[in-house]
Amino acid sequence: MPYGTIGCDTLNASTGVLATQNGMTGIAKAWVNFNGSGGVASVTSFNVSSVTRASTGLYTVNFTTAMPDANYVIVGYSTSASNTFISATSAQAKTTSAFAFYSLNNAGAVDGNPVAVAVFGN
């Protein structure tokens, strides 16, 4: 049986992230770009319901649709007002519904603006 091409204008899912997003490899399953200075203000995101700040430089990202497992990869960057920032994130407490991370420079935890993280996984 030959394979063909299926085209459509709109692809809907009953809940959560579209099946194509979950089934495709090599694309981000979630991402967020936010202002982490003096409180959290989300600039833009995908599959992120909220970001909270627990203390200086410590943020928790909550997913809209849970990851299938906690074996995902987090990448990110941040900048600080002093422009001496060393871009680093340290993942803490990864679960299928959320993860926490520190925004760090060579002096320790700092609030960044902007802060951006992306999640890649199954």
Foldseek 3Di string as FASTA:
>chain_A
DDDDDDDDDDQDDPDDDGPVLLPDAPDFNKKWKWQQPPWTDTPDMDQWPDKGDPDFQKIKTFGNDFRPFQPKDKDKFFAAPVRQADGDWDWDDGGRGMIMIGGAGPVGGHGGVIIMMTIGDD
